[in-house]
Amino acid sequence: MVNDNSHLRTIVNQDGAAVLDTKLGSISTLNSTGAYVWQGLERGESLETIVANLSRETGEQPEVVRRDVRDFVETLRAQQLLSH
């Protein structure tokens, strides 16, 4: 789901991530949950797999996690970090 990301540079640590878009000259910061989702997308995991894993790890209800992950993915698309 991640675009041709040759223009993206990502740094991830325990606090989250920073994504530099060298084409647009912008930096997006992600909290630790956003970084978790981003890394799952980079690995090619489906949204349902990411939701299931995140729900299991956090103890949050899957429907809540699913809504939040979908909202987050839409934000990434709006920032042109993901394809549509």
PDB file of N, CA and C in Angstrom:
ATOM      1  N   MET A   1       0.816  -1.196   0.000  1.00  0.00           N
ATOM      2  CA  MET A   1       0.000   0.000   0.000  1.00  0.00           C
ATOM      3  C   MET A   1       0.860   1.261   0.000  1.00  0.00           C
ATOM      4  N   VAL A   2       2.082   1.162   0.469  1.00  0.00           N
ATOM      5  CA  VAL A   2       2.966   2.309   0.430  1.00  0.00           C
ATOM      6  C   VAL A   2       3.337   2.560  -1.025  1.00  0.00           C
ATOM      7  N   ASN A   3       3.283   3.825  -1.442  1.00  0.00           N
ATOM      8  CA  ASN A   3       3.640   4.203  -2.813  1.00  0.00           C
ATOM      9  C   ASN A   3       5.055   3.795  -3.146  1.00  0.00           C
ATOM     10  N   ASP A   4       5.460   4.056  -4.409  1.00  0.00           N
ATOM     11  CA  ASP A   4       6.873   4.000  -4.736  1.00  0.00           C
ATOM     12  C   ASP A   4       7.511   4.986  -3.769  1.00  0.00           C
ATOM     13  N   ASN A   5       8.177   4.455  -2.779  1.00  0.00           N
ATOM     14  CA  ASN A   5       8.630   5.314  -1.689  1.00  0.00           C
ATOM     15  C   ASN A   5      10.099   5.659  -1.762  1.00  0.00           C
ATOM     16  N   SER A   6      10.663   5.669  -2.976  1.00  0.00           N
ATOM     17  CA  SER A   6      12.074   6.001  -3.110  1.00  0.00           C
ATOM     18  C   SER A   6      12.360   7.433  -2.668  1.00  0.00           C
ATOM     19  N   HIS A   7      11.357   8.280  -2.619  1.00  0.00           N
ATOM     20  CA  HIS A   7      11.541   9.667  -2.180  1.00  0.00           C
ATOM     21  C   HIS A   7      11.225   9.853  -0.692  1.00  0.00           C
ATOM     22  N   LEU A   8      10.896   8.767   0.007  1.00  0.00           N
ATOM     23  CA  LEU A   8      10.578   8.841   1.433  1.00  0.00           C
ATOM     24  C   LEU A   8      11.738   8.304   2.260  1.00  0.00           C
ATOM     25  N   ARG A   9      12.048   8.989   3.318  1.00  0.00           N
ATOM     26  CA  ARG A   9      13.057   8.549   4.273  1.00  0.00           C
ATOM     27  C   ARG A   9      12.376   8.484   5.633  1.00  0.00           C
ATOM     28  N   THR A  10      12.479   7.337   6.285  1.00  0.00           N
ATOM     29  CA  THR A  10      11.781   7.133   7.553  1.00  0.00           C
ATOM     30  C   THR A  10      12.771   6.788   8.652  1.00  0.00           C
ATOM     31  N   ILE A  11      12.573   7.421   9.788  1.00  0.00           N
ATOM     32  CA  ILE A  11      13.317   7.086  10.999  1.00  0.00           C
ATOM     33  C   ILE A  11      12.282   6.684  12.041  1.00  0.00           C
ATOM     34  N   VAL A  12      12.464   5.492  12.618  1.00  0.00           N
ATOM     35  CA  VAL A  12      11.527   4.971  13.609  1.00  0.00           C
ATOM     36  C   VAL A  12      12.279   4.695  14.899  1.00  0.00           C
ATOM     37  N   ASN A  13      11.683   5.103  16.030  1.00  0.00           N
ATOM     38  CA  ASN A  13      12.208   4.719  17.334  1.00  0.00           C
ATOM     39  C   ASN A  13      11.030   4.438  18.262  1.00  0.00           C
ATOM     40  N   GLN A  14      11.304   4.217  19.536  1.00  0.00           N
ATOM     41  CA  GLN A  14      10.247   3.848  20.481  1.00  0.00           C
ATOM     42  C   GLN A  14       9.191   4.934  20.664  1.00  0.00           C
ATOM     43  N   ASP A  15       9.523   6.174  20.293  1.00  0.00           N
ATOM     44  CA  ASP A  15       8.580   7.277  20.445  1.00  0.00           C
ATOM     45  C   ASP A  15       7.684   7.493  19.230  1.00  0.00           C
ATOM     46  N   GLY A  16       8.042   6.891  18.096  1.00  0.00           N
ATOM     47  CA  GLY A  16       7.259   7.087  16.886  1.00  0.00           C
ATOM     48  C   GLY A  16       8.146   7.083  15.666  1.00  0.00           C
ATOM     49  N   ALA A  17       7.798   7.928  14.701  1.00  0.00           N
ATOM     50  CA  ALA A  17       8.561   7.968  13.456  1.00  0.00           C
ATOM     51  C   ALA A  17       8.493   9.360  12.856  1.00  0.00           C
ATOM     52  N   ALA A  18       9.461   9.632  12.012  1.00  0.00           N
ATOM     53  CA  ALA A  18       9.462  10.832  11.183  1.00  0.00           C
ATOM     54  C   ALA A  18       9.634  10.367   9.749  1.00  0.00           C
ATOM     55  N   VAL A  19       8.792  10.879   8.868  1.00  0.00           N
ATOM     56  CA  VAL A  19       8.838  10.518   7.458  1.00  0.00           C
ATOM     57  C   VAL A  19       9.151  11.789   6.673  1.00  0.00           C
ATOM     58  N   LEU A  20      10.296  11.788   6.018  1.00  0.00           N
ATOM     59  CA  LEU A  20      10.709  12.906   5.178  1.00  0.00           C
ATOM     60  C   LEU A  20      10.340  12.593   3.742  1.00  0.00           C
ATOM     61  N   ASP A  21       9.574  13.470   3.135  1.00  0.00           N
ATOM     62  CA  ASP A  21       9.234  13.348   1.726  1.00  0.00           C
ATOM     63  C   ASP A  21      10.156  14.298   0.974  1.00  0.00           C
ATOM     64  N   THR A  22      11.193  13.749   0.335  1.00  0.00           N
ATOM     65  CA  THR A  22      12.176  14.589  -0.350  1.00  0.00           C
ATOM     66  C   THR A  22      11.595  15.244  -1.601  1.00  0.00           C
ATOM     67  N   LYS A  23      10.560  14.671  -2.161  1.00  0.00           N
ATOM     68  CA  LYS A  23       9.920  15.244  -3.352  1.00  0.00           C
ATOM     69  C   LYS A  23       9.124  16.495  -2.986  1.00  0.00           C
ATOM     70  N   LEU A  24       8.380  16.422  -1.894  1.00  0.00           N
ATOM     71  CA  LEU A  24       7.550  17.552  -1.472  1.00  0.00           C
ATOM     72  C   LEU A  24       8.259  18.469  -0.491  1.00  0.00           C
ATOM     73  N   GLY A  25       9.370  17.987   0.067  1.00  0.00           N
ATOM     74  CA  GLY A  25      10.092  18.785   1.056  1.00  0.00           C
ATOM     75  C   GLY A  25       9.336  18.911   2.361  1.00  0.00           C
ATOM     76  N   SER A  26       8.642  17.849   2.753  1.00  0.00           N
ATOM     77  CA  SER A  26       7.858  17.907   3.988  1.00  0.00           C
ATOM     78  C   SER A  26       8.254  16.765   4.920  1.00  0.00           C
ATOM     79  N   ILE A  27       8.016  16.990   6.194  1.00  0.00           N
ATOM     80  CA  ILE A  27       8.263  15.979   7.219  1.00  0.00           C
ATOM     81  C   ILE A  27       6.951  15.714   7.943  1.00  0.00           C
ATOM     82  N   SER A  28       6.608  14.445   8.066  1.00  0.00           N
ATOM     83  CA  SER A  28       5.434  14.042   8.833  1.00  0.00           C
ATOM     84  C   SER A  28       5.916  13.251  10.039  1.00  0.00           C
ATOM     85  N   THR A  29       5.372  13.574  11.189  1.00  0.00           N
ATOM     86  CA  THR A  29       5.729  12.826  12.392  1.00  0.00           C
ATOM     87  C   THR A  29       4.572  11.916  12.778  1.00  0.00           C
ATOM     88  N   LEU A  30       4.923  10.747  13.287  1.00  0.00           N
ATOM     89  CA  LEU A  30       3.937   9.753  13.687  1.00  0.00           C
ATOM     90  C   LEU A  30       4.192   9.376  15.138  1.00  0.00           C
ATOM     91  N   ASN A  31       3.124   9.195  15.896  1.00  0.00           N
ATOM     92  CA  ASN A  31       3.303   8.681  17.251  1.00  0.00           C
ATOM     93  C   ASN A  31       3.655   7.200  17.168  1.00  0.00           C
ATOM     94  N   SER A  32       3.840   6.557  18.297  1.00  0.00           N
ATOM     95  CA  SER A  32       4.284   5.161  18.280  1.00  0.00           C
ATOM     96  C   SER A  32       3.259   4.237  17.600  1.00  0.00           C
ATOM     97  N   THR A  33       1.978   4.520  17.763  1.00  0.00           N
ATOM     98  CA  THR A  33       0.959   3.703  17.102  1.00  0.00           C
ATOM     99  C   THR A  33       0.990   3.935  15.595  1.00  0.00           C
ATOM    100  N   GLY A  34       1.132   5.176  15.188  1.00  0.00           N
ATOM    101  CA  GLY A  34       1.255   5.483  13.765  1.00  0.00           C
ATOM    102  C   GLY A  34       2.468   4.807  13.157  1.00  0.00           C
ATOM    103  N   ALA A  35       3.572   4.793  13.885  1.00  0.00           N
ATOM    104  CA  ALA A  35       4.788   4.135  13.410  1.00  0.00           C
ATOM    105  C   ALA A  35       4.553   2.631  13.271  1.00  0.00           C
ATOM    106  N   TYR A  36       3.810   2.050  14.200  1.00  0.00           N
ATOM    107  CA  TYR A  36       3.476   0.622  14.149  1.00  0.00           C
ATOM    108  C   TYR A  36       2.695   0.318  12.870  1.00  0.00           C
ATOM    109  N   VAL A  37       1.699   1.130  12.587  1.00  0.00           N
ATOM    110  CA  VAL A  37       0.882   0.932  11.386  1.00  0.00           C
ATOM    111  C   VAL A  37       1.740   1.145  10.139  1.00  0.00           C
ATOM    112  N   TRP A  38       2.540   2.202  10.122  1.00  0.00           N
ATOM    113  CA  TRP A  38       3.402   2.498   8.976  1.00  0.00           C
ATOM    114  C   TRP A  38       4.322   1.318   8.668  1.00  0.00           C
ATOM    115  N   GLN A  39       4.943   0.774   9.703  1.00  0.00           N
ATOM    116  CA  GLN A  39       5.857  -0.351   9.490  1.00  0.00           C
ATOM    117  C   GLN A  39       5.115  -1.582   8.968  1.00  0.00           C
ATOM    118  N   GLY A  40       3.906  -1.802   9.452  1.00  0.00           N
ATOM    119  CA  GLY A  40       3.102  -2.907   8.931  1.00  0.00           C
ATOM    120  C   GLY A  40       2.788  -2.716   7.455  1.00  0.00           C
ATOM    121  N   LEU A  41       2.439  -1.499   7.071  1.00  0.00           N
ATOM    122  CA  LEU A  41       2.168  -1.209   5.661  1.00  0.00           C
ATOM    123  C   LEU A  41       3.422  -1.411   4.814  1.00  0.00           C
ATOM    124  N   GLU A  42       4.564  -0.984   5.340  1.00  0.00           N
ATOM    125  CA  GLU A  42       5.826  -1.173   4.610  1.00  0.00           C
ATOM    126  C   GLU A  42       6.136  -2.654   4.400  1.00  0.00           C
ATOM    127  N   ARG A  43       5.743  -3.482   5.371  1.00  0.00           N
ATOM    128  CA  ARG A  43       5.966  -4.929   5.245  1.00  0.00           C
ATOM    129  C   ARG A  43       4.946  -5.592   4.322  1.00  0.00           C
ATOM    130  N   GLY A  44       3.947  -4.827   3.878  1.00  0.00           N
ATOM    131  CA  GLY A  44       2.931  -5.372   2.988  1.00  0.00           C
ATOM    132  C   GLY A  44       1.787  -6.056   3.708  1.00  0.00           C
ATOM    133  N   GLU A  45       1.648  -5.818   5.004  1.00  0.00           N
ATOM    134  CA  GLU A  45       0.550  -6.426   5.757  1.00  0.00           C
ATOM    135  C   GLU A  45      -0.768  -5.772   5.368  1.00  0.00           C
ATOM    136  N   SER A  46      -1.819  -6.555   5.398  1.00  0.00           N
ATOM    137  CA  SER A  46      -3.154  -6.011   5.134  1.00  0.00           C
ATOM    138  C   SER A  46      -3.598  -5.176   6.333  1.00  0.00           C
ATOM    139  N   LEU A  47      -4.567  -4.296   6.082  1.00  0.00           N
ATOM    140  CA  LEU A  47      -5.100  -3.490   7.185  1.00  0.00           C
ATOM    141  C   LEU A  47      -5.712  -4.379   8.255  1.00  0.00           C
ATOM    142  N   GLU A  48      -6.372  -5.456   7.841  1.00  0.00           N
ATOM    143  CA  GLU A  48      -6.985  -6.360   8.822  1.00  0.00           C
ATOM    144  C   GLU A  48      -5.937  -7.032   9.695  1.00  0.00           C
ATOM    145  N   THR A  49      -4.790  -7.383   9.120  1.00  0.00           N
ATOM    146  CA  THR A  49      -3.712  -7.980   9.911  1.00  0.00           C
ATOM    147  C   THR A  49      -3.168  -6.962  10.899  1.00  0.00           C
ATOM    148  N   ILE A  50      -2.958  -5.746  10.440  1.00  0.00           N
ATOM    149  CA  ILE A  50      -2.464  -4.689  11.320  1.00  0.00           C
ATOM    150  C   ILE A  50      -3.456  -4.450  12.444  1.00  0.00           C
ATOM    151  N   VAL A  51      -4.738  -4.368  12.110  1.00  0.00           N
ATOM    152  CA  VAL A  51      -5.783  -4.144  13.121  1.00  0.00           C
ATOM    153  C   VAL A  51      -5.789  -5.280  14.139  1.00  0.00           C
ATOM    154  N   ALA A  52      -5.760  -6.517  13.670  1.00  0.00           N
ATOM    155  CA  ALA A  52      -5.795  -7.672  14.580  1.00  0.00           C
ATOM    156  C   ALA A  52      -4.578  -7.672  15.514  1.00  0.00           C
ATOM    157  N   ASN A  53      -3.406  -7.430  14.965  1.00  0.00           N
ATOM    158  CA  ASN A  53      -2.188  -7.425  15.783  1.00  0.00           C
ATOM    159  C   ASN A  53      -2.206  -6.281  16.786  1.00  0.00           C
ATOM    160  N   LEU A  54      -2.598  -5.097  16.340  1.00  0.00           N
ATOM    161  CA  LEU A  54      -2.630  -3.934  17.217  1.00  0.00           C
ATOM    162  C   LEU A  54      -3.678  -4.110  18.312  1.00  0.00           C
ATOM    163  N   SER A  55      -4.819  -4.663  17.969  1.00  0.00           N
ATOM    164  CA  SER A  55      -5.871  -4.918  18.941  1.00  0.00           C
ATOM    165  C   SER A  55      -5.394  -5.917  20.001  1.00  0.00           C
ATOM    166  N   ARG A  56      -4.731  -6.969  19.547  1.00  0.00           N
ATOM    167  CA  ARG A  56      -4.209  -7.973  20.476  1.00  0.00           C
ATOM    168  C   ARG A  56      -3.148  -7.372  21.403  1.00  0.00           C
ATOM    169  N   GLU A  57      -2.257  -6.566  20.842  1.00  0.00           N
ATOM    170  CA  GLU A  57      -1.171  -5.993  21.652  1.00  0.00           C
ATOM    171  C   GLU A  57      -1.646  -4.930  22.630  1.00  0.00           C
ATOM    172  N   THR A  58      -2.685  -4.181  22.263  1.00  0.00           N
ATOM    173  CA  THR A  58      -3.141  -3.093  23.127  1.00  0.00           C
ATOM    174  C   THR A  58      -4.322  -3.467  24.013  1.00  0.00           C
ATOM    175  N   GLY A  59      -5.040  -4.531  23.627  1.00  0.00           N
ATOM    176  CA  GLY A  59      -6.232  -4.904  24.382  1.00  0.00           C
ATOM    177  C   GLY A  59      -7.454  -4.088  24.008  1.00  0.00           C
ATOM    178  N   GLU A  60      -7.314  -3.225  23.010  1.00  0.00           N
ATOM    179  CA  GLU A  60      -8.429  -2.391  22.546  1.00  0.00           C
ATOM    180  C   GLU A  60      -9.343  -3.218  21.645  1.00  0.00           C
ATOM    181  N   GLN A  61     -10.617  -2.867  21.624  1.00  0.00           N
ATOM    182  CA  GLN A  61     -11.598  -3.569  20.790  1.00  0.00           C
ATOM    183  C   GLN A  61     -11.242  -3.416  19.308  1.00  0.00           C
ATOM    184  N   PRO A  62     -11.333  -4.510  18.543  1.00  0.00           N
ATOM    185  CA  PRO A  62     -10.970  -4.456  17.118  1.00  0.00           C
ATOM    186  C   PRO A  62     -11.725  -3.380  16.331  1.00  0.00           C
ATOM    187  N   GLU A  63     -13.000  -3.166  16.630  1.00  0.00           N
ATOM    188  CA  GLU A  63     -13.751  -2.173  15.862  1.00  0.00           C
ATOM    189  C   GLU A  63     -13.238  -0.758  16.103  1.00  0.00           C
ATOM    190  N   VAL A  64     -12.762  -0.488  17.316  1.00  0.00           N
ATOM    191  CA  VAL A  64     -12.182   0.821  17.628  1.00  0.00           C
ATOM    192  C   VAL A  64     -10.850   0.980  16.890  1.00  0.00           C
ATOM    193  N   VAL A  65     -10.026  -0.059  16.954  1.00  0.00           N
ATOM    194  CA  VAL A  65      -8.730  -0.030  16.271  1.00  0.00           C
ATOM    195  C   VAL A  65      -8.935   0.101  14.766  1.00  0.00           C
ATOM    196  N   ARG A  66      -9.885  -0.631  14.209  1.00  0.00           N
ATOM    197  CA  ARG A  66     -10.156  -0.586  12.773  1.00  0.00           C
ATOM    198  C   ARG A  66     -10.518   0.829  12.333  1.00  0.00           C
ATOM    199  N   ARG A  67     -11.393   1.477  13.078  1.00  0.00           N
ATOM    200  CA  ARG A  67     -11.797   2.850  12.746  1.00  0.00           C
ATOM    201  C   ARG A  67     -10.598   3.788  12.791  1.00  0.00           C
ATOM    202  N   ASP A  68      -9.803   3.677  13.852  1.00  0.00           N
ATOM    203  CA  ASP A  68      -8.642   4.552  14.002  1.00  0.00           C
ATOM    204  C   ASP A  68      -7.597   4.306  12.918  1.00  0.00           C
ATOM    205  N   VAL A  69      -7.367   3.048  12.572  1.00  0.00           N
ATOM    206  CA  VAL A  69      -6.389   2.721  11.526  1.00  0.00           C
ATOM    207  C   VAL A  69      -6.880   3.245  10.181  1.00  0.00           C
ATOM    208  N   ARG A  70      -8.141   3.084   9.882  1.00  0.00           N
ATOM    209  CA  ARG A  70      -8.681   3.599   8.613  1.00  0.00           C
ATOM    210  C   ARG A  70      -8.563   5.117   8.542  1.00  0.00           C
ATOM    211  N   ASP A  71      -8.865   5.798   9.637  1.00  0.00           N
ATOM    212  CA  ASP A  71      -8.718   7.257   9.671  1.00  0.00           C
ATOM    213  C   ASP A  71      -7.258   7.657   9.448  1.00  0.00           C
ATOM    214  N   PHE A  72      -6.351   6.931  10.077  1.00  0.00           N
ATOM    215  CA  PHE A  72      -4.924   7.209   9.941  1.00  0.00           C
ATOM    216  C   PHE A  72      -4.462   6.998   8.495  1.00  0.00           C
ATOM    217  N   VAL A  73      -4.905   5.908   7.882  1.00  0.00           N
ATOM    218  CA  VAL A  73      -4.528   5.626   6.493  1.00  0.00           C
ATOM    219  C   VAL A  73      -5.057   6.722   5.573  1.00  0.00           C
ATOM    220  N   GLU A  74      -6.262   7.210   5.822  1.00  0.00           N
ATOM    221  CA  GLU A  74      -6.799   8.307   5.015  1.00  0.00           C
ATOM    222  C   GLU A  74      -5.955   9.566   5.179  1.00  0.00           C
ATOM    223  N   THR A  75      -5.462   9.809   6.376  1.00  0.00           N
ATOM    224  CA  THR A  75      -4.573  10.951   6.603  1.00  0.00           C
ATOM    225  C   THR A  75      -3.271  10.781   5.823  1.00  0.00           C
ATOM    226  N   LEU A  76      -2.715   9.577   5.825  1.00  0.00           N
ATOM    227  CA  LEU A  76      -1.502   9.313   5.049  1.00  0.00           C
ATOM    228  C   LEU A  76      -1.753   9.524   3.560  1.00  0.00           C
ATOM    229  N   ARG A  77      -2.909   9.117   3.089  1.00  0.00           N
ATOM    230  CA  ARG A  77      -3.243   9.329   1.673  1.00  0.00           C
ATOM    231  C   ARG A  77      -3.372  10.807   1.362  1.00  0.00           C
ATOM    232  N   ALA A  78      -3.996  11.546   2.259  1.00  0.00           N
ATOM    233  CA  ALA A  78      -4.145  12.989   2.055  1.00  0.00           C
ATOM    234  C   ALA A  78      -2.785  13.685   2.014  1.00  0.00           C
ATOM    235  N   GLN A  79      -1.821  13.140   2.738  1.00  0.00           N
ATOM    236  CA  GLN A  79      -0.472  13.701   2.752  1.00  0.00           C
ATOM    237  C   GLN A  79       0.386  13.131   1.616  1.00  0.00           C
ATOM    238  N   GLN A  80      -0.231  12.335   0.757  1.00  0.00           N
ATOM    239  CA  GLN A  80       0.406  11.725  -0.414  1.00  0.00           C
ATOM    240  C   GLN A  80       1.533  10.769  -0.027  1.00  0.00           C
ATOM    241  N   LEU A  81       1.407  10.146   1.139  1.00  0.00           N
ATOM    242  CA  LEU A  81       2.397   9.147   1.569  1.00  0.00           C
ATOM    243  C   LEU A  81       1.969   7.742   1.193  1.00  0.00           C
ATOM    244  N   LEU A  82       0.691   7.560   0.857  1.00  0.00           N
ATOM    245  CA  LEU A  82       0.155   6.267   0.415  1.00  0.00           C
ATOM    246  C   LEU A  82      -0.624   6.462  -0.869  1.00  0.00           C
ATOM    247  N   SER A  83      -0.675   5.390  -1.661  1.00  0.00           N
ATOM    248  CA  SER A  83      -1.487   5.439  -2.871  1.00  0.00           C
ATOM    249  C   SER A  83      -2.959   5.273  -2.504  1.00  0.00           C
ATOM    250  N   HIS A  84      -3.802   5.570  -3.426  1.00  0.00           N
ATOM    251  CA  HIS A  84      -5.239   5.468  -3.172  1.00  0.00           C
ATOM    252  C   HIS A  84      -5.709   4.143  -3.526  1.00  0.00           C
TER     253      HIS A  84
END
